[in-house]
Amino acid sequence: MTLLLIIAILLLLVALATLIGLRLPKTHVAASRIRLSAKPQEVWDIITDFAAHPTWRPGLAAVELGPDIDGRPTWYEVCPPRHMRVQFAVVERLAPSRLVTRLVGEHLPLSGTWIYELTEHDGGTLLTITETDQIYNPLFRFFSRFVISYYGVMDVFLIALARKLGDDAKPEHLGLRLSDQA
């Protein structure tokens, strides 16, 4: 009887999270920035060396280079524990100041882009990442909003990059826009 009650409570919680997720906006635009001591070219070289990301990014088991799409590079990020592969592609590349990447694939629970903007600032680099995501799955939308946070993945990336460069800088959240456009 206790096991059935636990299962019923879990199902109720999942249903409630899904209902809340259905009411949340599908699209968000969030931006974070960090001040780094390294020059823009050094930061650029690190963030565009996709194959080396597992050496400094936590939660990334491997990177597998993929086929070019429209003459631009793609790669698969492999995440533990189930070795889920997610493909990304470069959309725009203007070294060493602007990089735009996007998720690639069909039937994903979300789609989105990251815009990296690097500017020289006080002898180092000001790196701003703007994330635009459309989250189709309402349960994933709930977890993105209340568990991970819209800034969560960007913050992990930026903090890991700062550590790679020997900095103890922390990200600054610049803004958040939500909408129901998909």
Protein backbone atom coordinates (compact mmCIF):
# COMPACT_ATOMS: atom_id res chain seq x y z
CA MET A 1 0.00 0.00 0.00
CA THR A 2 2.84 2.42 0.83
CA LEU A 3 4.48 1.76 -2.54
CA LEU A 4 1.23 2.58 -4.35
CA LEU A 5 0.90 5.81 -2.39
CA ILE A 6 4.47 6.82 -3.28
CA ILE A 7 3.85 6.05 -6.96
CA ALA A 8 0.59 8.02 -6.88
CA ILE A 9 2.30 11.03 -5.30
CA LEU A 10 5.11 10.91 -7.88
CA LEU A 11 2.62 10.74 -10.74
CA LEU A 12 0.70 13.65 -9.24
CA LEU A 13 3.89 15.70 -8.97
CA VAL A 14 4.82 14.97 -12.60
CA ALA A 15 1.29 15.90 -13.71
CA LEU A 16 1.42 19.13 -11.70
CA ALA A 17 4.86 20.05 -13.12
CA THR A 18 3.53 19.36 -16.63
CA LEU A 19 0.47 21.55 -16.05
CA ILE A 20 2.65 24.38 -14.77
CA GLY A 21 5.00 23.86 -17.74
CA LEU A 22 2.06 24.19 -20.14
CA ARG A 23 1.39 27.67 -18.71
CA LEU A 24 5.00 28.84 -19.02
CA PRO A 25 6.19 30.72 -22.12
CA LYS A 26 7.82 28.53 -24.78
CA THR A 27 10.53 31.02 -25.73
CA HIS A 28 13.13 32.75 -23.60
CA VAL A 29 16.04 35.04 -24.35
CA ALA A 30 18.60 35.23 -21.56
CA ALA A 31 21.99 36.94 -21.54
CA SER A 32 25.00 36.64 -19.24
CA ARG A 33 28.45 38.13 -19.38
CA ILE A 34 31.78 37.65 -17.71
CA ARG A 35 34.97 39.68 -17.52
CA LEU A 36 38.09 37.64 -18.29
CA SER A 37 41.75 38.63 -18.02
CA ALA A 38 42.71 36.95 -21.33
CA LYS A 39 42.70 38.78 -24.66
CA PRO A 40 39.78 38.16 -27.05
CA GLN A 41 41.89 36.00 -29.40
CA GLU A 42 42.87 33.64 -26.57
CA VAL A 43 39.25 33.34 -25.41
CA TRP A 44 38.16 32.82 -29.02
CA ASP A 45 40.69 30.05 -29.54
CA ILE A 46 39.41 28.19 -26.47
CA ILE A 47 35.68 28.49 -27.18
CA THR A 48 36.05 27.53 -30.86
CA ASP A 49 38.23 24.46 -30.14
CA PHE A 50 35.12 22.32 -29.70
CA ALA A 51 37.06 19.04 -29.54
CA ALA A 52 38.90 20.28 -26.42
CA HIS A 53 35.77 21.34 -24.50
CA PRO A 54 35.61 18.11 -22.43
CA THR A 55 39.01 18.99 -20.91
CA TRP A 56 37.56 22.04 -19.16
CA ARG A 57 33.74 21.84 -19.23
CA PRO A 58 32.11 19.84 -16.43
CA GLY A 59 29.34 17.46 -17.42
CA LEU A 60 30.69 16.89 -20.90
CA ALA A 61 32.02 13.37 -21.49
CA ALA A 62 33.22 13.82 -25.07
CA VAL A 63 32.92 15.83 -28.26
CA GLU A 64 32.68 14.12 -31.62
CA LEU A 65 33.21 16.25 -34.70
CA GLY A 66 30.32 16.02 -37.15
CA PRO A 67 29.81 16.67 -40.84
CA ASP A 68 29.85 20.24 -42.11
CA ILE A 69 26.46 21.81 -42.77
CA ASP A 70 26.51 24.46 -45.50
CA GLY A 71 30.30 24.57 -45.19
CA ARG A 72 30.20 25.24 -41.44
CA PRO A 73 31.45 22.89 -38.73
CA THR A 74 29.21 20.77 -36.53
CA TRP A 75 29.95 18.66 -33.48
CA TYR A 76 28.18 16.32 -31.09
CA GLU A 77 28.39 16.91 -27.36
CA VAL A 78 28.19 13.62 -25.46
CA CYS A 79 26.79 13.95 -21.96
CA PRO A 80 26.88 11.32 -19.22
CA PRO A 81 25.46 9.19 -17.77
CA ARG A 82 23.57 7.78 -20.75
CA HIS A 83 25.95 9.17 -23.39
CA MET A 84 23.24 11.33 -24.92
CA ARG A 85 24.53 12.98 -28.11
CA VAL A 86 23.39 16.49 -28.99
CA GLN A 87 24.49 18.07 -32.27
CA PHE A 88 25.48 21.73 -32.60
CA ALA A 89 26.46 23.79 -35.64
CA VAL A 90 28.23 27.07 -36.24
CA VAL A 91 25.83 29.53 -37.86
CA GLU A 92 28.08 32.60 -37.93
CA ARG A 93 31.75 33.11 -37.21
CA LEU A 94 33.53 36.47 -37.11
CA ALA A 95 36.87 35.90 -35.37
CA PRO A 96 37.62 36.94 -32.67
CA SER A 97 34.47 38.89 -31.84
CA ARG A 98 31.27 36.97 -32.70
CA LEU A 99 30.23 33.33 -32.82
CA VAL A 100 26.69 32.03 -33.26
CA THR A 101 25.89 28.36 -32.67
CA ARG A 102 22.62 26.44 -32.75
CA LEU A 103 21.18 23.07 -31.82
CA VAL A 104 20.74 20.76 -34.81
CA GLY A 105 18.21 17.98 -35.17
CA GLU A 106 14.57 17.09 -35.46
CA HIS A 107 12.14 16.04 -32.73
CA LEU A 108 14.21 17.63 -29.94
CA PRO A 109 12.49 18.91 -26.78
CA LEU A 110 13.97 22.34 -27.53
CA SER A 111 15.72 24.38 -30.20
CA GLY A 112 17.96 27.34 -29.75
CA THR A 113 21.02 29.44 -30.40
CA TRP A 114 23.87 30.93 -28.45
CA ILE A 115 25.44 34.21 -29.55
CA TYR A 116 28.94 34.76 -28.16
CA GLU A 117 30.16 38.38 -28.32
CA LEU A 118 33.75 39.11 -27.33
CA THR A 119 34.96 42.67 -26.82
CA GLU A 120 38.25 43.93 -25.51
CA HIS A 121 37.79 45.47 -22.06
CA ASP A 122 40.46 46.78 -19.66
CA GLY A 123 43.19 44.67 -21.27
CA GLY A 124 41.04 41.51 -21.15
CA THR A 125 37.78 40.30 -22.63
CA LEU A 126 34.16 40.96 -21.92
CA LEU A 127 32.31 37.84 -23.10
CA THR A 128 28.54 38.05 -23.45
CA ILE A 129 26.43 35.00 -24.28
CA THR A 130 22.83 35.46 -25.38
CA GLU A 131 20.72 32.33 -25.42
CA THR A 132 17.47 32.10 -27.36
CA ASP A 133 15.60 28.84 -26.74
CA GLN A 134 12.21 27.49 -27.69
CA ILE A 135 11.25 24.71 -25.26
CA TYR A 136 8.47 22.53 -26.69
CA ASN A 137 8.14 19.91 -23.96
CA PRO A 138 6.13 21.36 -21.02
CA LEU A 139 7.86 19.17 -18.42
CA PHE A 140 11.28 20.27 -19.71
CA ARG A 141 9.99 23.87 -19.68
CA PHE A 142 9.10 23.47 -15.97
CA PHE A 143 12.57 22.10 -15.10
CA SER A 144 14.31 24.79 -17.19
CA ARG A 145 12.47 27.50 -15.31
CA PHE A 146 12.41 26.19 -11.74
CA VAL A 147 15.27 23.68 -11.42
CA ILE A 148 18.03 24.48 -13.92
CA SER A 149 17.19 28.20 -14.41
CA TYR A 150 17.37 29.91 -17.76
CA TYR A 151 20.93 30.99 -16.94
CA GLY A 152 22.12 27.62 -15.59
CA VAL A 153 23.89 26.17 -18.62
CA MET A 154 25.44 29.52 -19.56
CA ASP A 155 26.71 30.01 -16.00
CA VAL A 156 28.35 26.57 -15.94
CA PHE A 157 30.02 27.31 -19.28
CA LEU A 158 31.22 30.79 -18.26
CA ILE A 159 32.53 29.74 -14.84
CA ALA A 160 34.37 26.77 -16.37
CA LEU A 161 35.89 29.04 -19.02
CA ALA A 162 37.04 31.49 -16.35
CA ARG A 163 38.66 28.64 -14.39
CA LYS A 164 40.35 27.37 -17.56
CA LEU A 165 41.88 30.84 -17.92
CA GLY A 166 42.86 31.03 -14.24
CA ASP A 167 40.23 33.66 -13.41
CA ASP A 168 37.75 33.55 -10.57
CA ALA A 169 35.24 35.76 -12.37
CA LYS A 170 31.53 35.18 -11.93
CA PRO A 171 28.81 35.67 -14.57
CA GLU A 172 26.52 38.66 -14.48
CA HIS A 173 22.92 38.15 -15.65
CA LEU A 174 21.93 40.89 -18.06
CA GLY A 175 18.33 40.24 -18.90
CA LEU A 176 15.54 37.81 -19.57
CA ARG A 177 12.65 38.00 -22.03
CA LEU A 178 9.87 35.43 -22.18
CA SER A 179 7.25 34.89 -24.89
CA ASP A 180 4.90 32.28 -26.29
CA GLN A 181 6.29 32.58 -29.83
CA ALA A 182 7.76 29.35 -31.13
